[in-house]
Protein backbone atom coordinates (compact mmCIF):
# COMPACT_ATOMS: atom_id res chain seq x y z
CA MET A 1 27.74 44.12 -59.48
CA ASP A 2 28.16 43.79 -55.67
CA SER A 3 24.77 45.39 -55.01
CA THR A 4 23.09 42.99 -57.46
CA LEU A 5 24.47 39.99 -55.70
CA THR A 6 23.42 41.37 -52.35
CA ALA A 7 19.90 41.92 -53.65
CA LEU A 8 19.83 38.38 -54.99
CA VAL A 9 21.11 36.98 -51.71
CA ILE A 10 18.42 38.95 -49.84
CA ILE A 11 15.67 37.81 -52.14
CA LEU A 12 16.73 34.16 -51.93
CA SER A 13 16.98 34.37 -48.08
CA VAL A 14 13.49 35.80 -47.83
CA GLY A 15 12.20 33.09 -50.14
CA PHE A 16 13.84 30.35 -48.06
CA ILE A 17 12.52 31.91 -44.88
CA ILE A 18 9.02 31.88 -46.33
CA LEU A 19 9.31 28.31 -47.47
CA LEU A 20 10.65 27.24 -44.09
CA ALA A 21 7.66 28.90 -42.33
CA LEU A 22 5.31 27.20 -44.77
CA SER A 23 6.91 23.77 -44.27
CA ILE A 24 6.73 24.12 -40.50
CA THR A 25 3.05 25.06 -40.73
CA VAL A 26 2.30 22.16 -42.99
CA ILE A 27 4.13 19.72 -40.72
CA TYR A 28 2.21 21.12 -37.68
CA VAL A 29 -1.13 20.61 -39.52
CA VAL A 30 -0.22 17.05 -40.63
CA ILE A 31 0.77 16.17 -37.05
CA ARG A 32 -2.52 17.55 -35.72
CA ILE A 33 -4.50 15.56 -38.40
CA LEU A 34 -2.63 12.31 -37.46
CA GLN A 35 -3.40 12.88 -33.85
CA ASN A 36 -7.09 13.30 -34.66
CA VAL A 37 -7.02 10.11 -36.72
CA ARG A 38 -5.32 8.25 -33.92
CA GLY A 39 -8.09 9.43 -31.56
CA ILE A 40 -10.81 8.42 -33.92
CA THR A 41 -9.16 5.03 -34.41
CA GLN A 42 -8.88 4.38 -30.66
CA LYS A 43 -12.59 5.30 -30.15
CA THR A 44 -13.62 3.04 -33.08
CA GLU A 45 -11.59 0.22 -31.62
CA ALA A 46 -13.16 0.68 -28.20
CA ALA A 47 -16.64 0.67 -29.76
CA THR A 48 -15.88 -2.54 -31.74
CA GLU A 49 -14.61 -4.15 -28.61
CA ASN A 50 -17.71 -3.24 -26.75
CA MET A 51 -19.89 -4.55 -29.68
CA SER A 52 -18.03 -7.86 -29.83
CA GLU A 53 -18.32 -8.25 -26.03
CA THR A 54 -22.08 -7.50 -26.23
CA MET A 55 -22.51 -10.07 -29.02
CA ARG A 56 -20.65 -12.70 -27.02
CA MET A 57 -22.86 -12.05 -24.01
CA VAL A 58 -26.07 -12.24 -26.18
CA ILE A 59 -24.84 -15.44 -27.82
CA ARG A 60 -24.13 -16.87 -24.43
CA LYS A 61 -27.61 -16.05 -23.13
CA VAL A 62 -29.67 -16.78 -26.36
CA ALA A 63 -27.78 -20.05 -27.41
CA PRO A 64 -29.44 -22.19 -24.67
CA LEU A 65 -32.84 -20.82 -25.61
CA ALA A 66 -32.35 -21.17 -29.38
CA LEU A 67 -31.24 -24.85 -29.24
CA PRO A 68 -34.69 -26.26 -28.33
CA THR A 69 -36.36 -23.98 -30.82
CA ILE A 70 -34.08 -25.25 -33.65
CA ALA A 71 -34.55 -28.82 -32.52
CA GLY A 72 -38.33 -28.39 -32.44
CA ALA A 73 -38.31 -26.91 -35.99
CA VAL A 74 -36.19 -29.80 -37.33
CA LEU A 75 -38.51 -32.35 -35.67
CA ARG A 76 -41.62 -30.63 -37.11
CA ARG A 77 -40.14 -30.85 -40.64
CA LEU A 78 -39.32 -34.44 -40.11
CA VAL A 79 -42.82 -35.26 -38.91
CA ARG A 80 -44.39 -33.35 -41.84
CA ARG A 81 -42.40 -35.38 -44.37
CA ARG A 82 -43.69 -38.68 -43.12
């Protein structure tokens, strides 16, 4: 009976060691994936920031030019209706 218990303990120990190794590997892979996602998120955030800054600059430059054009279009419509 003693040899049966010893064999069972050895089998369970080997199983636990295998599960421990697998769980460590899975945790490592998950951490690497999360680091990659964080990097992608930071790059996306930087790109969005650049795009919004570009749009602000374009609006700042185009707005003074667009105002007379819009006013002229409104005046033309008013003159056509009369």
